[in-house]
């Protein structure tokens, strides 16, 4: 059993921290900007809540962060009440936020200055994956640090891989989002076409999902898409945040991402329809408006 701190109890962090407590059996202290959410977590899972990230991280062996963006991440790590103010030498900071590779490199250096380890560890699998403890975790950092962190991360993951040095986890997550963007748009267009052609979408998917067109998105989202229901999984606001990170990195490294840039614009159209909190499969709604 390790002493663990978890910072950020959103739709992902709340169940992830719960798995660390229940499945992992760790001594977990949580912090959330809205204290009521931390109190609700303690009531459900036990453990303790702290008034600041710094207090949550005090004496912890592993400190997890799962917040909104680069600025939020800097605030809870290197800020005045950030975790790096109190982390003990040898402790490891594990960041599950989807953020830039740049901030991952910053935090690696900041952790090194405190004689701490750092792993950027963004996740994929959505809210359902977090609740079921079956996330995919893409990591960047030193191999020795990763080897120490992985058994703890395993509490909420089904796949954990080291992609390279600090920032490599974030870069891998960017690839994940690039691939998802194109697949969801293709699925939306396929369903839209099938409806216009008068086909039974369930029958169509039953057949094509067993061939080269099959995907996780098809298996898990086609039914709700066909029903015009978009209250499942990853929200468009979050996806656009991620795609902004992707496109910024592409401008920096010279990668050409025409499809990703176009789908990002399509998500903007769905936001204009009032679909900010709809899940990413709502690209279909844009085609059917």
Protein backbone atom coordinates (compact mmCIF):
# COMPACT_ATOMS: atom_id res chain seq x y z
CA UNK A 1 0.00 0.00 0.00
CA UNK A 2 1.31 3.44 -0.98
CA UNK A 3 0.41 6.90 0.24
CA UNK A 4 -1.28 8.60 -2.72
CA UNK A 5 -2.62 12.08 -3.46
CA UNK A 6 -5.11 12.73 -6.27
CA UNK A 7 -5.74 16.26 -7.52
CA UNK A 8 -8.84 16.86 -9.65
CA UNK A 9 -12.10 14.95 -9.24
CA UNK A 10 -13.92 15.55 -12.50
CA UNK A 11 -15.79 12.90 -14.45
CA UNK A 12 -12.50 11.08 -15.02
CA UNK A 13 -10.59 11.80 -11.84
CA UNK A 14 -13.40 10.93 -9.44
CA UNK A 15 -13.60 7.23 -10.43
CA UNK A 16 -9.86 6.95 -11.11
CA UNK A 17 -9.08 8.06 -7.57
CA UNK A 18 -11.72 5.62 -6.37
CA UNK A 19 -9.96 2.71 -8.07
CA UNK A 20 -6.67 3.72 -6.45
CA UNK A 21 -8.42 3.56 -3.08
CA UNK A 22 -10.60 0.45 -3.53
CA UNK A 23 -8.89 -1.71 -6.14
CA UNK A 24 -5.35 -0.54 -5.43
CA UNK A 25 -5.83 -0.50 -1.68
CA UNK A 26 -3.84 2.71 -1.31
CA UNK A 27 -4.08 5.42 1.34
CA UNK A 28 -5.59 8.21 -0.79
CA UNK A 29 -5.93 11.91 -0.03
CA UNK A 30 -7.86 13.98 -2.57
CA UNK A 31 -8.15 17.63 -3.49
CA UNK A 32 -10.74 19.27 -5.71
CA UNK A 33 -11.29 22.94 -6.43
CA UNK A 34 -14.94 22.46 -5.44
CA UNK A 35 -14.65 21.12 -1.89
CA UNK A 36 -18.09 19.50 -2.01
CA UNK A 37 -16.89 17.13 -4.72
CA UNK A 38 -13.97 16.06 -2.53
CA UNK A 39 -16.34 15.52 0.40
CA UNK A 40 -18.59 13.38 -1.81
CA UNK A 41 -15.58 11.31 -2.88
CA UNK A 42 -14.54 10.70 0.74
CA UNK A 43 -18.09 9.70 1.64
CA UNK A 44 -18.14 7.17 -1.19
CA UNK A 45 -14.63 5.75 -1.03
CA UNK A 46 -13.15 6.67 2.33
CA UNK A 47 -9.73 8.27 2.49
CA UNK A 48 -9.24 11.94 3.23
CA UNK A 49 -9.66 15.36 1.61
CA UNK A 50 -7.17 18.22 1.83
CA UNK A 51 -7.75 21.98 1.54
CA UNK A 52 -4.97 22.56 -1.03
CA UNK A 53 -2.99 20.50 -3.54
CA UNK A 54 0.13 21.10 -1.47
CA UNK A 55 -1.47 19.65 1.66
CA UNK A 56 -2.80 16.65 -0.26
CA UNK A 57 0.68 15.90 -1.60
CA UNK A 58 2.51 16.21 1.70
CA UNK A 59 4.31 12.91 2.51
CA UNK A 60 2.71 11.17 -0.50
CA UNK A 61 4.66 8.55 -2.44
CA UNK A 62 2.67 9.17 -5.63
CA UNK A 63 0.79 12.33 -6.61
CA UNK A 64 -1.76 12.20 -9.44
CA UNK A 65 -3.18 15.21 -11.26
CA UNK A 66 -6.18 15.21 -13.61
CA UNK A 67 -7.31 18.75 -14.37
CA UNK A 68 -8.53 20.83 -17.31
CA UNK A 69 -5.64 22.35 -19.25
CA UNK A 70 -2.04 23.57 -19.13
CA UNK A 71 -2.81 26.58 -16.94
CA UNK A 72 -4.83 24.51 -14.47
CA UNK A 73 -2.00 22.00 -14.37
CA UNK A 74 0.63 24.63 -13.67
CA UNK A 75 -1.56 26.05 -10.90
CA UNK A 76 -1.89 22.74 -9.02
CA UNK A 77 1.74 21.70 -9.50
CA UNK A 78 4.16 24.64 -9.58
CA UNK A 79 1.76 27.29 -8.25
CA UNK A 80 1.82 28.82 -4.78
CA UNK A 81 -0.19 25.94 -3.30
CA UNK A 82 0.94 23.39 -5.86
CA UNK A 83 1.97 19.84 -5.10
CA UNK A 84 5.65 20.41 -5.87
CA UNK A 85 5.84 22.79 -2.92
CA UNK A 86 5.50 19.85 -0.51
CA UNK A 87 6.36 16.65 -2.38
CA UNK A 88 9.12 14.73 -0.67
CA UNK A 89 12.31 13.68 -2.48
CA UNK A 90 11.78 10.42 -4.34
CA UNK A 91 8.02 10.91 -4.73
CA UNK A 92 6.56 10.62 -8.23
CA UNK A 93 4.17 13.06 -9.92
CA UNK A 94 1.86 11.36 -12.43
CA UNK A 95 -0.18 13.67 -14.65
CA UNK A 96 -3.32 12.24 -16.26
CA UNK A 97 -4.38 15.56 -17.78
CA UNK A 98 -4.52 15.80 -21.57
CA UNK A 99 -2.15 18.72 -21.96
CA UNK A 100 0.68 19.94 -24.17
CA UNK A 101 4.02 18.19 -24.53
CA UNK A 102 5.57 21.53 -23.60
CA UNK A 103 4.03 21.60 -20.13
CA UNK A 104 5.03 17.96 -19.63
CA UNK A 105 8.66 18.90 -20.24
CA UNK A 106 8.30 21.85 -17.85
CA UNK A 107 6.95 19.61 -15.10
CA UNK A 108 9.64 17.00 -15.67
CA UNK A 109 12.30 19.67 -15.07
CA UNK A 110 10.43 21.12 -12.09
CA UNK A 111 10.11 17.67 -10.52
CA UNK A 112 13.80 16.96 -11.10
CA UNK A 113 14.65 20.18 -9.27
CA UNK A 114 12.76 18.79 -6.26
CA UNK A 115 14.45 15.37 -6.58
CA UNK A 116 11.08 13.92 -7.62
CA UNK A 117 10.05 11.81 -10.58
CA UNK A 118 7.52 12.78 -13.25
CA UNK A 119 5.39 10.82 -15.70
CA UNK A 120 3.01 12.42 -18.19
CA UNK A 121 0.23 9.86 -18.41
CA UNK A 122 -2.82 11.04 -20.42
CA UNK A 123 -5.61 8.51 -20.71
CA UNK A 124 -8.06 7.24 -23.31
CA UNK A 125 -11.30 5.37 -22.77
CA UNK A 126 -13.69 8.10 -21.70
CA UNK A 127 -15.90 8.28 -18.65
CA UNK A 128 -16.96 4.64 -19.00
CA UNK A 129 -13.33 3.53 -19.11
CA UNK A 130 -12.57 5.53 -15.99
CA UNK A 131 -15.58 4.17 -14.12
CA UNK A 132 -14.77 0.58 -15.09
CA UNK A 133 -11.04 0.93 -14.46
CA UNK A 134 -10.07 -0.04 -18.01
CA UNK A 135 -8.36 3.08 -19.35
CA UNK A 136 -5.47 3.09 -21.78
CA UNK A 137 -2.59 5.14 -20.39
CA UNK A 138 0.14 6.61 -22.60
CA UNK A 139 3.22 7.56 -20.60
CA UNK A 140 6.31 9.68 -21.03
CA UNK A 141 9.25 9.80 -18.65
CA UNK A 142 12.28 7.94 -17.39
CA UNK A 143 12.04 4.15 -17.52
CA UNK A 144 12.98 3.67 -13.85
CA UNK A 145 10.32 6.15 -12.75
CA UNK A 146 7.74 4.53 -15.03
CA UNK A 147 8.52 1.09 -13.61
CA UNK A 148 7.75 2.39 -10.11
CA UNK A 149 4.57 4.16 -11.19
CA UNK A 150 3.03 1.48 -13.40
CA UNK A 151 1.85 -0.89 -10.62
CA UNK A 152 -0.06 2.01 -9.06
CA UNK A 153 -1.50 3.23 -12.39
CA UNK A 154 -2.67 -0.33 -13.08
CA UNK A 155 -5.51 0.19 -10.58
CA UNK A 156 -7.50 2.14 -13.19
CA UNK A 157 -6.02 0.85 -16.44
CA UNK A 158 -6.06 -2.14 -18.76
CA UNK A 159 -3.12 -0.93 -20.84
CA UNK A 160 -0.18 1.16 -19.66
CA UNK A 161 2.75 1.85 -21.97
CA UNK A 162 5.92 3.94 -21.88
CA UNK A 163 6.14 5.86 -25.15
CA UNK A 164 9.44 7.65 -24.58
CA UNK A 165 10.87 10.55 -22.61
CA UNK A 166 8.81 13.29 -20.93
CA UNK A 167 6.14 14.60 -23.32
CA UNK A 168 5.92 11.38 -25.33
CA UNK A 169 2.73 10.37 -23.52
CA UNK A 170 1.07 13.65 -24.49
CA UNK A 171 2.25 13.33 -28.10
CA UNK A 172 0.80 9.81 -28.24
CA UNK A 173 -2.52 11.09 -26.87
CA UNK A 174 -2.52 13.66 -29.68
CA UNK A 175 -2.23 10.82 -32.20
CA UNK A 176 -5.10 9.08 -30.42
CA UNK A 177 -7.31 12.15 -30.87
CA UNK A 178 -6.25 12.59 -34.52
CA UNK A 179 -7.34 9.02 -35.24
CA UNK A 180 -10.62 9.36 -33.36
CA UNK A 181 -11.56 12.56 -35.18
CA UNK A 182 -11.34 10.95 -38.60
CA UNK A 183 -13.05 7.72 -37.56
CA UNK A 184 -16.04 9.46 -35.96
CA UNK A 185 -16.55 11.71 -38.97
CA UNK A 186 -16.44 8.69 -41.27
CA UNK A 187 -18.95 6.84 -39.11
CA UNK A 188 -21.25 9.86 -39.01
CA UNK A 189 -21.16 10.15 -42.79
CA UNK A 190 -21.76 6.42 -43.21
CA UNK A 191 -24.82 6.42 -40.95
CA UNK A 192 -26.13 9.58 -42.60
CA UNK A 193 -25.69 8.05 -46.06
CA UNK A 194 -27.36 4.82 -44.96
CA UNK A 195 -30.39 6.64 -43.60
CA UNK A 196 -30.77 8.66 -46.79
CA UNK A 197 -30.50 5.44 -48.79
CA UNK A 198 -33.33 3.91 -46.75
CA UNK A 199 -31.22 1.12 -45.24
CA UNK A 200 -31.64 -0.46 -41.81
CA UNK A 201 -28.61 0.95 -39.98
CA UNK A 202 -28.57 -1.85 -37.41
CA UNK A 203 -28.38 -4.46 -40.13
CA UNK A 204 -25.73 -2.50 -41.99
CA UNK A 205 -23.52 -2.16 -38.94
CA UNK A 206 -24.01 -5.80 -37.97
CA UNK A 207 -22.37 -6.74 -41.25
CA UNK A 208 -19.73 -4.07 -41.84
CA UNK A 209 -18.53 -4.03 -38.23
CA UNK A 210 -17.15 -7.53 -38.81
CA UNK A 211 -15.02 -6.33 -41.72
CA UNK A 212 -12.36 -3.71 -42.37
CA UNK A 213 -14.71 -0.83 -41.47
CA UNK A 214 -15.15 -2.02 -37.89
CA UNK A 215 -13.98 0.20 -35.02
CA UNK A 216 -14.53 0.87 -31.33
CA UNK A 217 -16.59 3.90 -32.27
CA UNK A 218 -18.82 1.81 -34.52
CA UNK A 219 -19.35 -0.88 -31.91
CA UNK A 220 -20.01 1.52 -29.04
CA UNK A 221 -21.63 4.58 -30.62
CA UNK A 222 -23.62 3.58 -33.70
CA UNK A 223 -26.84 2.78 -31.80
CA UNK A 224 -27.00 6.07 -29.93
CA UNK A 225 -25.97 7.99 -33.04
CA UNK A 226 -28.75 6.32 -35.00
CA UNK A 227 -31.19 7.34 -32.26
CA UNK A 228 -29.92 10.92 -32.18
CA UNK A 229 -28.71 10.58 -28.59
CA UNK A 230 -25.43 12.29 -27.74
CA UNK A 231 -25.15 12.18 -23.97
CA UNK A 232 -22.44 9.53 -23.81
CA UNK A 233 -18.70 9.80 -23.39
CA UNK A 234 -16.32 12.60 -24.25
CA UNK A 235 -17.83 16.09 -24.64
CA UNK A 236 -17.18 18.27 -27.69
CA UNK A 237 -15.78 21.09 -25.55
CA UNK A 238 -13.11 18.70 -24.31
CA UNK A 239 -12.40 17.31 -27.77
CA UNK A 240 -11.92 20.79 -29.21
CA UNK A 241 -9.53 21.59 -26.37
CA UNK A 242 -7.55 18.48 -27.27
CA UNK A 243 -7.62 19.22 -31.00
CA UNK A 244 -6.37 22.75 -30.32
CA UNK A 245 -3.36 21.15 -28.61
CA UNK A 246 -2.92 18.79 -31.56
CA UNK A 247 -3.08 21.52 -34.19
CA UNK A 248 -0.73 23.77 -32.23
CA UNK A 249 1.81 20.97 -32.03
CA UNK A 250 1.37 20.28 -35.75
CA UNK A 251 2.14 23.91 -36.55
CA UNK A 252 5.28 23.57 -34.46
CA UNK A 253 6.56 20.29 -35.93
CA UNK A 254 5.31 20.79 -39.49
CA UNK A 255 2.86 17.86 -39.58
CA UNK A 256 0.05 18.17 -42.14
CA UNK A 257 -3.36 17.38 -40.62
CA UNK A 258 -6.02 18.45 -43.12
CA UNK A 259 -8.71 16.01 -41.96
CA UNK A 260 -8.16 16.80 -38.28
CA UNK A 261 -8.35 20.54 -38.95
CA UNK A 262 -11.57 20.08 -40.94
CA UNK A 263 -13.22 17.90 -38.27
CA UNK A 264 -12.26 20.47 -35.66
CA UNK A 265 -14.24 23.03 -37.68
CA UNK A 266 -17.16 20.60 -37.87
CA UNK A 267 -17.12 20.32 -34.07
CA UNK A 268 -17.27 24.11 -33.99
CA UNK A 269 -20.43 23.90 -36.06
CA UNK A 270 -21.96 21.49 -33.53
CA UNK A 271 -21.04 23.86 -30.70
CA UNK A 272 -22.88 26.61 -32.59
CA UNK A 273 -25.92 24.29 -32.57
CA UNK A 274 -25.74 24.23 -28.76
CA UNK A 275 -23.99 20.89 -28.58
CA UNK A 276 -21.02 21.87 -26.41
CA UNK A 277 -21.69 19.05 -23.95
CA UNK A 278 -22.79 16.48 -26.50
CA UNK A 279 -20.38 13.62 -26.99
CA UNK A 280 -18.04 13.48 -29.97
CA UNK A 281 -20.36 11.21 -31.98
CA UNK A 282 -22.67 14.22 -32.45
CA UNK A 283 -20.90 15.02 -35.71
CA UNK A 284 -23.93 13.21 -37.16
CA UNK A 285 -26.24 15.92 -35.83
CA UNK A 286 -24.44 18.46 -38.00
CA UNK A 287 -25.19 16.41 -41.12
CA UNK A 288 -28.86 15.99 -40.21
CA UNK A 289 -29.71 19.53 -39.18
